[in-house]
Amino acid sequence: MIKRIHIAEYLSGNNLLPLIDVRTPAEYTSGHIPGAVNIPLFSNEERAKVGTVYTRESHSKAYDLGYAYVNPKLEYFAEASKKVAEDGKTVVYCWRGGMRSKSFAEHIEQNGINEVSVIEGGYKAFRNYALDTFQNTGRIQLLGGYTGSGKTRILKQLFKLGEQVIDLEALANHKGSAFGSIGQDPQPPNEHFSNLLFWKWKELDFSKTIWLEDESIHIGKVYLPQNLFQRMREAEVYFLNISKELRAQLLVEEYVGTEKEPLKESIRKISKRLGGLKTTLALEALERDDYFETAMISLDYYDKFYLKGLERRNKNKVVIIDSETIDDRINAETIIKQSRMRKHA
């Protein structure tokens, strides 16, 4: 007998059973429960045709067409599911926990899978649950600082020092600036980015502080869940104030060796705000391999942009930390010290 389980029940298990997503490849690519294996009941084209017949003709004709598409694949469904199942157990979901997952689950249970469960409400229930989780859970503190402060490196040091950290830019495959896609893998679809974020979020200890980098709502082409972003705007920011020269030095370390054309294209992206003269000077400096001067000119734009955002925050929640180094270990230790002092003040 097929068991129906709520997404909260599934996620609360210590050992999560393997998941089968029976939606189309396009639905799966747009976003899925992390770790799920896609065994689509219909191809993208088949799903579209069934939907058209349902809308224009009738439910029964759409059902018949769907069965005609599925029938030749039944043996494949059973064999593919056996490879996914763990000790003969698996969990199946579709968009809303309806006919697709129910039919698939019944079929594989009748053909070699001992225990099959279906997610009540399907992927939609997961999405609602995941997005709601960001609403009130955990105490957030932000790591801030002008571009080139080494915030990603500092986050890694905070983690090594025992702090809870989520690296939003790592999940987004983007460094959050016009240069942010250089050297990165393609960004995930926005929907799946928030799924990946939730998957990290659910593992946190919400009795302890959660460190995030101070970000705008957009990180490249993806954006943060609105309720999480709102909480970030209200959180304390520990802002590292490091000289432009030191930050330019760090940027040189990061980008020397990068092909010039992507760097030039990134400079052109900010040309309107950087100004025509500075854009020209930055491109000329890059052409003669003067990466330090290129960084110094580009930071004029980024420093102004970040400062505007910082000025819109509650001043009582902005902790300025002056630092004369780009040593990430030293800066991480200083930030932790300041955080603890404020906590016990």
Protein backbone atom coordinates (compact mmCIF):
# COMPACT_ATOMS: atom_id res chain seq x y z
CA MET A 1 0.00 0.00 0.00
CA ILE A 2 1.32 3.42 -0.99
CA LYS A 3 2.07 5.67 1.99
CA ARG A 4 1.52 9.43 1.70
CA ILE A 5 3.88 11.56 3.78
CA HIS A 6 4.12 15.29 4.47
CA ILE A 7 7.33 16.98 3.37
CA ALA A 8 8.12 17.90 7.00
CA GLU A 9 7.89 14.22 7.95
CA TYR A 10 10.26 13.28 5.15
CA LEU A 11 12.81 15.95 6.02
CA SER A 12 12.74 15.14 9.73
CA GLY A 13 14.11 11.65 9.10
CA ASN A 14 17.69 11.01 10.11
CA ASN A 15 18.36 8.98 6.99
CA LEU A 16 16.52 10.47 4.05
CA LEU A 17 15.23 7.86 1.64
CA PRO A 18 16.18 8.30 -2.02
CA LEU A 19 13.79 10.48 -4.00
CA ILE A 20 12.36 10.00 -7.48
CA ASP A 21 11.08 13.08 -9.30
CA VAL A 22 8.66 11.98 -12.04
CA ARG A 23 8.10 15.43 -13.53
CA THR A 24 9.39 16.41 -16.96
CA PRO A 25 13.10 17.11 -17.51
CA ALA A 26 12.27 20.83 -17.91
CA GLU A 27 10.43 20.95 -14.58
CA TYR A 28 13.28 19.09 -12.90
CA THR A 29 15.94 21.41 -14.35
CA SER A 30 14.06 24.50 -13.21
CA GLY A 31 14.08 23.24 -9.63
CA HIS A 32 13.90 19.99 -7.69
CA ILE A 33 14.39 18.62 -4.21
CA PRO A 34 18.20 18.32 -3.89
CA GLY A 35 19.36 14.75 -4.33
CA ALA A 36 16.26 13.64 -6.25
CA VAL A 37 16.73 11.52 -9.37
CA ASN A 38 14.63 12.43 -12.38
CA ILE A 39 12.72 9.52 -13.93
CA PRO A 40 10.19 11.49 -15.99
CA LEU A 41 6.81 9.99 -16.66
CA PHE A 42 6.54 12.20 -19.76
CA SER A 43 9.06 14.02 -21.91
CA ASN A 44 8.68 17.80 -22.19
CA GLU A 45 6.90 17.44 -25.53
CA GLU A 46 4.62 14.65 -24.32
CA ARG A 47 3.56 16.62 -21.28
CA ALA A 48 2.73 19.63 -23.45
CA LYS A 49 0.63 17.53 -25.84
CA VAL A 50 -1.30 15.87 -23.00
CA GLY A 51 -2.02 19.29 -21.54
CA THR A 52 -3.26 20.60 -24.88
CA VAL A 53 -5.61 17.64 -25.36
CA TYR A 54 -6.92 18.06 -21.80
CA THR A 55 -7.66 21.76 -22.40
CA ARG A 56 -9.05 21.54 -25.91
CA GLU A 57 -10.77 18.15 -25.87
CA SER A 58 -11.41 16.18 -22.69
CA HIS A 59 -9.95 14.60 -19.60
CA SER A 60 -10.54 11.08 -20.93
CA LYS A 61 -8.74 11.74 -24.21
CA ALA A 62 -5.83 13.30 -22.36
CA TYR A 63 -5.69 10.23 -20.11
CA ASP A 64 -5.69 7.88 -23.12
CA LEU A 65 -2.89 9.85 -24.77
CA GLY A 66 -0.89 9.84 -21.55
CA TYR A 67 -1.28 6.07 -21.23
CA ALA A 68 -0.12 5.62 -24.83
CA TYR A 69 3.05 7.57 -24.01
CA VAL A 70 3.69 5.78 -20.72
CA ASN A 71 2.89 2.16 -21.60
CA PRO A 72 6.08 1.47 -23.62
CA LYS A 73 8.21 2.80 -20.76
CA LEU A 74 6.79 0.71 -17.92
CA GLU A 75 9.65 -1.78 -17.81
CA TYR A 76 12.18 1.05 -17.87
CA PHE A 77 10.42 2.80 -14.97
CA ALA A 78 10.63 -0.33 -12.83
CA GLU A 79 14.29 -1.03 -13.59
CA ALA A 80 15.39 2.59 -13.20
CA SER A 81 13.58 2.84 -9.86
CA LYS A 82 15.32 -0.28 -8.52
CA LYS A 83 18.67 1.41 -9.15
CA VAL A 84 17.54 4.44 -7.12
CA ALA A 85 15.81 2.62 -4.25
CA GLU A 86 17.70 1.87 -1.05
CA ASP A 87 16.92 -1.48 0.58
CA GLY A 88 13.84 -1.63 -1.60
CA LYS A 89 12.53 1.73 -0.35
CA THR A 90 12.01 5.01 -2.14
CA VAL A 91 9.91 8.19 -2.14
CA VAL A 92 8.20 9.60 -5.22
CA TYR A 93 6.90 13.08 -5.99
CA CYS A 94 5.43 15.06 -8.87
CA TRP A 95 4.22 18.68 -8.98
CA ARG A 96 1.27 18.44 -6.55
CA GLY A 97 1.31 14.82 -5.41
CA GLY A 98 -1.41 13.88 -7.91
CA MET A 99 -1.88 11.34 -10.65
CA ARG A 100 1.69 11.27 -11.96
CA SER A 101 3.33 10.31 -8.68
CA LYS A 102 0.45 8.06 -7.59
CA SER A 103 0.45 6.05 -10.83
CA PHE A 104 4.24 5.80 -10.89
CA ALA A 105 4.42 4.73 -7.25
CA GLU A 106 1.78 2.02 -7.72
CA HIS A 107 3.58 0.66 -10.76
CA ILE A 108 7.02 0.36 -9.17
CA GLU A 109 5.55 -1.11 -5.98
CA GLN A 110 3.94 -3.82 -8.09
CA ASN A 111 7.24 -4.44 -9.84
CA GLY A 112 9.92 -4.97 -7.25
CA ILE A 113 10.04 -1.99 -4.86
CA ASN A 114 9.07 -3.08 -1.35
CA GLU A 115 8.08 0.25 0.16
CA VAL A 116 7.04 3.34 -1.78
CA SER A 117 5.90 6.66 -0.33
CA VAL A 118 4.51 9.71 -2.10
CA ILE A 119 5.12 13.31 -0.98
CA GLU A 120 1.76 14.81 -0.01
CA GLY A 121 1.32 17.94 -2.10
CA GLY A 122 4.41 17.09 -4.17
CA TYR A 123 7.15 19.48 -5.15
CA LYS A 124 4.83 22.44 -4.55
CA ALA A 125 4.56 21.46 -0.89
CA PHE A 126 8.34 21.28 -0.68
CA ARG A 127 8.70 24.74 -2.18
CA ASN A 128 6.23 26.29 0.24
CA TYR A 129 7.86 24.56 3.20
CA ALA A 130 11.37 25.56 2.11
CA LEU A 131 10.57 29.23 1.54
CA ASP A 132 8.61 29.49 4.80
CA THR A 133 11.62 28.15 6.71
CA PHE A 134 13.63 31.33 6.08
CA GLN A 135 10.95 33.44 7.75
CA ASN A 136 11.89 33.31 11.41
CA THR A 137 14.52 30.65 12.02
CA GLY A 138 18.02 31.49 13.22
CA ARG A 139 19.88 34.62 14.30
CA ILE A 140 21.55 36.19 11.28
CA GLN A 141 24.70 38.32 11.31
CA LEU A 142 26.25 39.74 8.16
CA LEU A 143 29.83 40.08 7.06
CA GLY A 144 30.20 43.35 5.15
CA GLY A 145 33.00 45.26 3.52
CA TYR A 146 33.92 46.98 0.29
CA THR A 147 34.73 44.90 -2.77
CA GLY A 148 38.13 43.26 -2.41
CA SER A 149 37.95 42.86 1.37
CA GLY A 150 38.26 39.09 1.00
CA LYS A 151 34.84 38.35 2.45
CA THR A 152 34.62 34.87 0.93
CA ARG A 153 37.96 33.94 2.43
CA ILE A 154 36.89 35.35 5.79
CA LEU A 155 33.68 33.30 5.72
CA LYS A 156 35.81 30.18 5.29
CA GLN A 157 37.92 31.21 8.26
CA LEU A 158 34.82 31.87 10.35
CA PHE A 159 33.71 28.32 9.58
CA LYS A 160 37.12 26.93 10.55
CA LEU A 161 36.84 28.84 13.83
CA GLY A 162 33.57 27.10 14.67
CA GLU A 163 31.03 29.60 13.37
CA GLN A 164 27.99 28.67 11.29
CA VAL A 165 28.34 29.97 7.75
CA ILE A 166 26.43 29.81 4.49
CA ASP A 167 28.34 31.03 1.45
CA LEU A 168 25.58 32.47 -0.73
CA GLU A 169 27.92 33.28 -3.59
CA ALA A 170 29.24 29.71 -3.70
CA LEU A 171 25.67 28.40 -3.99
CA ALA A 172 24.93 30.98 -6.69
CA ASN A 173 28.17 30.31 -8.62
CA HIS A 174 28.72 34.06 -8.75
CA LYS A 175 30.81 36.59 -6.82
CA GLY A 176 28.07 39.20 -6.83
CA SER A 177 29.63 41.87 -9.06
CA ALA A 178 29.99 42.64 -12.76
CA PHE A 179 33.12 40.47 -12.58
CA GLY A 180 31.31 37.81 -10.58
CA SER A 181 30.78 35.19 -13.28
CA ILE A 182 34.44 35.04 -14.33
CA GLY A 183 35.88 31.60 -13.63
CA GLN A 184 32.58 30.29 -12.25
CA ASP A 185 30.34 27.43 -13.32
CA PRO A 186 26.97 28.38 -14.87
CA GLN A 187 24.49 29.69 -12.32
CA PRO A 188 21.64 27.40 -11.27
CA PRO A 189 18.08 28.41 -12.20
CA ASN A 190 16.75 30.85 -9.62
CA GLU A 191 14.20 28.38 -8.26
CA HIS A 192 16.82 25.72 -7.73
CA PHE A 193 19.21 28.20 -6.12
CA SER A 194 16.68 28.75 -3.32
CA ASN A 195 16.26 24.97 -3.03
CA LEU A 196 20.02 24.53 -2.58
CA LEU A 197 20.03 27.34 -0.05
CA PHE A 198 17.25 25.69 1.95
CA TRP A 199 19.12 22.37 1.87
CA LYS A 200 22.03 24.05 3.65
CA TRP A 201 19.73 26.08 5.89
CA LYS A 202 17.87 23.07 7.27
CA GLU A 203 21.10 21.58 8.64
CA LEU A 204 21.89 24.60 10.83
CA ASP A 205 21.63 24.87 14.60
CA PHE A 206 19.15 27.71 14.98
CA SER A 207 20.18 28.35 18.57
CA LYS A 208 23.47 29.70 17.21
CA THR A 209 24.41 32.65 15.01
CA ILE A 210 24.32 32.23 11.22
CA TRP A 211 26.88 34.23 9.25
CA LEU A 212 26.05 35.39 5.72
CA GLU A 213 27.77 37.84 3.45
CA ASP A 214 26.01 41.18 3.06
CA GLU A 215 24.44 40.90 -0.41
CA SER A 216 21.96 42.76 -2.56
CA ILE A 217 18.86 40.75 -3.39
CA HIS A 218 20.44 39.73 -6.70
CA ILE A 219 23.57 37.59 -6.96
CA GLY A 220 24.21 37.59 -10.66
CA LYS A 221 21.04 36.27 -12.31
CA VAL A 222 19.57 34.63 -9.21
CA TYR A 223 17.97 36.39 -6.27
CA LEU A 224 17.50 35.69 -2.60
CA PRO A 225 14.13 34.61 -1.17
CA GLN A 226 12.31 37.81 -0.25
CA ASN A 227 11.67 36.85 3.38
CA LEU A 228 15.34 35.97 3.93
CA PHE A 229 16.52 39.17 2.25
CA GLN A 230 14.22 41.23 4.47
CA ARG A 231 15.73 39.61 7.57
CA MET A 232 19.22 40.30 6.23
CA ARG A 233 18.35 43.98 5.84
CA GLU A 234 17.43 44.08 9.52
CA ALA A 235 20.46 42.13 10.75
CA GLU A 236 23.70 43.41 12.28
CA VAL A 237 26.46 44.09 9.76
CA TYR A 238 30.10 43.71 10.71
CA PHE A 239 31.74 45.98 8.17
CA LEU A 240 35.46 45.58 7.47
CA ASN A 241 36.98 48.94 6.58
CA ILE A 242 40.14 48.12 4.63
CA SER A 243 42.10 50.56 2.49
CA LYS A 244 41.51 50.63 -1.25
CA GLU A 245 45.18 49.84 -1.91
CA LEU A 246 45.11 46.63 0.10
CA ARG A 247 41.85 45.58 -1.52
CA ALA A 248 43.22 46.27 -5.00
CA GLN A 249 46.18 44.08 -4.10
CA LEU A 250 43.88 41.21 -3.19
CA LEU A 251 41.89 41.62 -6.42
CA VAL A 252 45.12 41.44 -8.40
CA GLU A 253 45.88 38.11 -6.72
CA GLU A 254 42.44 36.83 -7.70
CA TYR A 255 42.32 37.97 -11.31
CA VAL A 256 45.91 37.90 -12.63
CA GLY A 257 46.03 35.09 -15.17
CA THR A 258 42.40 35.54 -16.17
CA GLU A 259 41.78 36.07 -19.87
CA LYS A 260 41.52 39.78 -20.60
CA GLU A 261 38.37 39.77 -22.71
CA PRO A 262 36.00 38.73 -19.87
CA LEU A 263 37.62 41.40 -17.68
CA LYS A 264 37.16 44.03 -20.38
CA GLU A 265 33.52 43.04 -20.82
CA SER A 266 32.96 43.36 -17.08
CA ILE A 267 34.48 46.85 -17.07
CA ARG A 268 32.18 47.84 -19.93
CA LYS A 269 29.17 46.65 -17.92
CA ILE A 270 29.82 49.33 -15.30
CA SER A 271 30.93 52.02 -17.76
CA LYS A 272 27.82 54.18 -17.33
CA ARG A 273 28.41 54.61 -13.61
CA LEU A 274 32.18 54.49 -13.80
CA GLY A 275 32.20 57.24 -16.41
CA GLY A 276 33.69 57.38 -19.88
CA LEU A 277 37.14 58.63 -18.89
CA LYS A 278 37.63 56.13 -16.06
CA THR A 279 36.35 53.30 -18.25
CA THR A 280 38.93 54.19 -20.88
CA LEU A 281 41.70 54.45 -18.30
CA ALA A 282 40.74 51.08 -16.75
CA LEU A 283 40.75 49.36 -20.15
CA GLU A 284 44.09 50.94 -21.05
CA ALA A 285 45.61 49.82 -17.75
CA LEU A 286 44.36 46.29 -18.31
CA GLU A 287 45.80 46.27 -21.84
CA ARG A 288 49.27 47.07 -20.48
CA ASP A 289 48.90 44.42 -17.73
CA ASP A 290 48.58 46.97 -14.95
CA TYR A 291 46.04 44.97 -12.97
CA PHE A 292 46.57 47.05 -9.83
CA GLU A 293 45.59 50.30 -11.57
CA THR A 294 42.63 48.57 -13.22
CA ALA A 295 41.43 47.43 -9.78
CA MET A 296 41.93 50.86 -8.23
CA ILE A 297 39.83 52.55 -10.91
CA SER A 298 37.07 49.91 -10.78
CA LEU A 299 36.85 50.18 -7.00
CA ASP A 300 35.75 53.81 -7.36
CA TYR A 301 32.43 52.52 -8.66
CA TYR A 302 32.01 49.63 -6.24
CA ASP A 303 32.91 51.63 -3.14
CA LYS A 304 30.30 54.29 -3.93
CA PHE A 305 27.68 51.66 -4.72
CA TYR A 306 28.26 49.72 -1.50
CA LEU A 307 28.41 52.86 0.65
CA LYS A 308 24.97 53.94 -0.57
CA GLY A 309 23.51 50.62 0.55
CA LEU A 310 25.25 50.82 3.92
CA GLU A 311 23.90 54.32 4.55
CA ARG A 312 20.32 53.04 4.21
CA ARG A 313 20.78 50.69 7.15
CA ASN A 314 20.06 51.30 10.81
CA LYS A 315 23.32 52.85 12.06
CA ASN A 316 22.96 51.09 15.41
CA LYS A 317 23.27 47.76 13.59
CA VAL A 318 26.41 48.60 11.61
CA VAL A 319 29.67 47.74 13.35
CA ILE A 320 32.65 49.35 11.61
CA ILE A 321 35.87 47.36 12.03
CA ASP A 322 38.98 49.18 10.82
CA SER A 323 41.60 46.76 9.60
CA GLU A 324 45.08 47.28 8.22
CA THR A 325 45.43 43.81 6.77
CA ILE A 326 43.83 41.48 4.23
CA ASP A 327 44.85 38.46 6.30
CA ASP A 328 41.58 36.55 6.43
CA ARG A 329 42.43 34.68 9.64
CA ILE A 330 43.19 37.87 11.57
CA ASN A 331 40.07 39.59 10.24
CA ALA A 332 37.87 36.60 11.08
CA GLU A 333 39.18 36.51 14.64
CA THR A 334 38.57 40.25 15.01
CA ILE A 335 35.00 39.92 13.77
CA ILE A 336 34.24 37.09 16.20
CA LYS A 337 35.69 39.13 19.06
CA GLN A 338 33.56 42.16 18.16
CA SER A 339 30.43 39.99 17.82
CA ARG A 340 30.90 38.43 21.24
CA MET A 341 31.56 41.78 22.87
CA ARG A 342 28.29 43.17 21.47
CA LYS A 343 26.40 40.05 22.46
CA HIS A 344 27.48 40.38 26.09
CA ALA A 345 27.39 44.16 26.31
